[in-house]
Amino acid sequence: MITNEELNSVIKAGTYAPTGMGKQSPIIIAVTNKGMRDKIAEENRKIAGFKEGIDPFYGAPVILIVLADKGANKEILYKIKGGKVS
């Protein structure tokens, strides 16, 4: 397991990574609970069509789920098209 300081450093670095249209709107969820991590890994394995027993996260003790604010990009798309932001 990595330390909380190491995890926070990785998450902080992720918030500076390039994003679509430069909106910097990532939402990063750290899954540190082994039971939850294993459930997510199993669902990911099924979706990917991997054989039973394969870990799509290669045994990583922590996984990060990165989401983005879909509305943030929509606002920019409207501006680019010359329309008004609703």
C-alpha atoms as a PDB file:
ATOM      1  CA  MET A   1       0.000   0.000   0.000  1.00  0.00           C
ATOM      2  CA  ILE A   2       1.259   3.481  -0.744  1.00  0.00           C
ATOM      3  CA  THR A   3       1.211   6.207   1.883  1.00  0.00           C
ATOM      4  CA  ASN A   4      -1.485   8.886   1.960  1.00  0.00           C
ATOM      5  CA  GLU A   5       1.196  11.449   1.100  1.00  0.00           C
ATOM      6  CA  GLU A   6       2.174   9.479  -2.030  1.00  0.00           C
ATOM      7  CA  LEU A   7      -1.462   9.021  -3.019  1.00  0.00           C
ATOM      8  CA  ASN A   8      -2.192  12.724  -2.586  1.00  0.00           C
ATOM      9  CA  SER A   9       0.856  13.567  -4.727  1.00  0.00           C
ATOM     10  CA  VAL A  10      -0.391  11.338  -7.541  1.00  0.00           C
ATOM     11  CA  ILE A  11      -3.897  12.812  -7.340  1.00  0.00           C
ATOM     12  CA  LYS A  12      -2.535  16.365  -7.307  1.00  0.00           C
ATOM     13  CA  ALA A  13      -0.376  15.623 -10.364  1.00  0.00           C
ATOM     14  CA  GLY A  14      -3.457  14.231 -12.101  1.00  0.00           C
ATOM     15  CA  THR A  15      -5.300  17.498 -11.654  1.00  0.00           C
ATOM     16  CA  TYR A  16      -2.568  19.207 -13.714  1.00  0.00           C
ATOM     17  CA  ALA A  17      -2.727  16.699 -16.576  1.00  0.00           C
ATOM     18  CA  PRO A  18      -3.999  17.977 -19.936  1.00  0.00           C
ATOM     19  CA  THR A  19      -7.760  17.880 -20.286  1.00  0.00           C
ATOM     20  CA  GLY A  20     -10.245  18.308 -23.090  1.00  0.00           C
ATOM     21  CA  MET A  21     -10.282  21.928 -24.205  1.00  0.00           C
ATOM     22  CA  GLY A  22      -8.178  22.866 -21.186  1.00  0.00           C
ATOM     23  CA  LYS A  23     -11.161  22.974 -18.821  1.00  0.00           C
ATOM     24  CA  GLN A  24      -9.247  21.225 -16.001  1.00  0.00           C
ATOM     25  CA  SER A  25     -12.461  19.709 -14.667  1.00  0.00           C
ATOM     26  CA  PRO A  26     -11.324  16.261 -13.449  1.00  0.00           C
ATOM     27  CA  ILE A  27     -12.981  14.596 -10.513  1.00  0.00           C
ATOM     28  CA  ILE A  28     -10.636  11.946  -9.117  1.00  0.00           C
ATOM     29  CA  ILE A  29     -11.929   9.224  -6.817  1.00  0.00           C
ATOM     30  CA  ALA A  30      -9.358   7.094  -4.982  1.00  0.00           C
ATOM     31  CA  VAL A  31     -10.637   3.610  -4.209  1.00  0.00           C
ATOM     32  CA  THR A  32      -8.568   2.385  -1.263  1.00  0.00           C
ATOM     33  CA  ASN A  33     -11.034  -0.117   0.203  1.00  0.00           C
ATOM     34  CA  LYS A  34      -9.885  -3.583  -0.935  1.00  0.00           C
ATOM     35  CA  GLY A  35     -13.409  -5.002  -1.094  1.00  0.00           C
ATOM     36  CA  MET A  36     -14.666  -2.149  -3.264  1.00  0.00           C
ATOM     37  CA  ARG A  37     -11.505  -2.252  -5.391  1.00  0.00           C
ATOM     38  CA  ASP A  38     -12.014  -5.989  -5.986  1.00  0.00           C
ATOM     39  CA  LYS A  39     -15.690  -5.501  -6.958  1.00  0.00           C
ATOM     40  CA  ILE A  40     -14.747  -2.799  -9.465  1.00  0.00           C
ATOM     41  CA  ALA A  41     -11.930  -4.988 -10.823  1.00  0.00           C
ATOM     42  CA  GLU A  42     -14.326  -7.910 -11.310  1.00  0.00           C
ATOM     43  CA  GLU A  43     -16.890  -5.784 -13.167  1.00  0.00           C
ATOM     44  CA  ASN A  44     -14.105  -4.292 -15.299  1.00  0.00           C
ATOM     45  CA  ARG A  45     -12.828  -7.800 -16.064  1.00  0.00           C
ATOM     46  CA  LYS A  46     -16.282  -8.894 -17.232  1.00  0.00           C
ATOM     47  CA  ILE A  47     -16.810  -5.811 -19.391  1.00  0.00           C
ATOM     48  CA  ALA A  48     -13.385  -6.246 -20.996  1.00  0.00           C
ATOM     49  CA  GLY A  49     -14.077  -9.925 -21.659  1.00  0.00           C
ATOM     50  CA  PHE A  50     -10.994 -11.136 -19.786  1.00  0.00           C
ATOM     51  CA  LYS A  51     -10.768 -14.695 -18.497  1.00  0.00           C
ATOM     52  CA  GLU A  52     -11.816 -15.363 -14.905  1.00  0.00           C
ATOM     53  CA  GLY A  53      -8.991 -14.717 -12.449  1.00  0.00           C
ATOM     54  CA  ILE A  54      -7.427 -11.905 -14.511  1.00  0.00           C
ATOM     55  CA  ASP A  55      -7.006  -8.633 -12.627  1.00  0.00           C
ATOM     56  CA  PRO A  56      -7.368  -5.707 -15.060  1.00  0.00           C
ATOM     57  CA  PHE A  57      -5.619  -3.465 -12.517  1.00  0.00           C
ATOM     58  CA  TYR A  58      -2.564  -5.768 -12.235  1.00  0.00           C
ATOM     59  CA  GLY A  59      -2.891  -6.116  -8.459  1.00  0.00           C
ATOM     60  CA  ALA A  60      -2.653  -2.394  -7.720  1.00  0.00           C
ATOM     61  CA  PRO A  61      -3.819  -1.817  -4.116  1.00  0.00           C
ATOM     62  CA  VAL A  62      -5.419   1.535  -5.030  1.00  0.00           C
ATOM     63  CA  ILE A  63      -7.279   2.511  -8.173  1.00  0.00           C
ATOM     64  CA  LEU A  64      -8.146   6.005  -9.312  1.00  0.00           C
ATOM     65  CA  ILE A  65     -11.385   6.692 -11.128  1.00  0.00           C
ATOM     66  CA  VAL A  66     -11.163   9.863 -13.190  1.00  0.00           C
ATOM     67  CA  LEU A  67     -14.368  11.624 -14.163  1.00  0.00           C
ATOM     68  CA  ALA A  68     -14.958  14.937 -15.877  1.00  0.00           C
ATOM     69  CA  ASP A  69     -17.637  17.577 -15.722  1.00  0.00           C
ATOM     70  CA  LYS A  70     -19.457  17.034 -19.022  1.00  0.00           C
ATOM     71  CA  GLY A  71     -21.103  20.433 -18.710  1.00  0.00           C
ATOM     72  CA  ALA A  72     -17.722  22.173 -18.631  1.00  0.00           C
ATOM     73  CA  ASN A  73     -16.943  21.075 -22.177  1.00  0.00           C
ATOM     74  CA  LYS A  74     -20.459  21.846 -23.389  1.00  0.00           C
ATOM     75  CA  GLU A  75     -20.044  25.479 -22.373  1.00  0.00           C
ATOM     76  CA  ILE A  76     -16.891  25.764 -24.486  1.00  0.00           C
ATOM     77  CA  LEU A  77     -18.526  24.021 -27.461  1.00  0.00           C
ATOM     78  CA  TYR A  78     -21.338  26.551 -27.463  1.00  0.00           C
ATOM     79  CA  LYS A  79     -18.834  29.414 -27.422  1.00  0.00           C
ATOM     80  CA  ILE A  80     -16.839  27.893 -30.260  1.00  0.00           C
ATOM     81  CA  LYS A  81     -19.991  27.545 -32.360  1.00  0.00           C
ATOM     82  CA  GLY A  82     -20.833  31.164 -31.682  1.00  0.00           C
ATOM     83  CA  GLY A  83     -24.027  30.351 -29.799  1.00  0.00           C
ATOM     84  CA  LYS A  84     -25.055  31.553 -26.397  1.00  0.00           C
ATOM     85  CA  VAL A  85     -24.296  29.500 -23.328  1.00  0.00           C
ATOM     86  CA  SER A  86     -27.516  28.234 -21.850  1.00  0.00           C
END
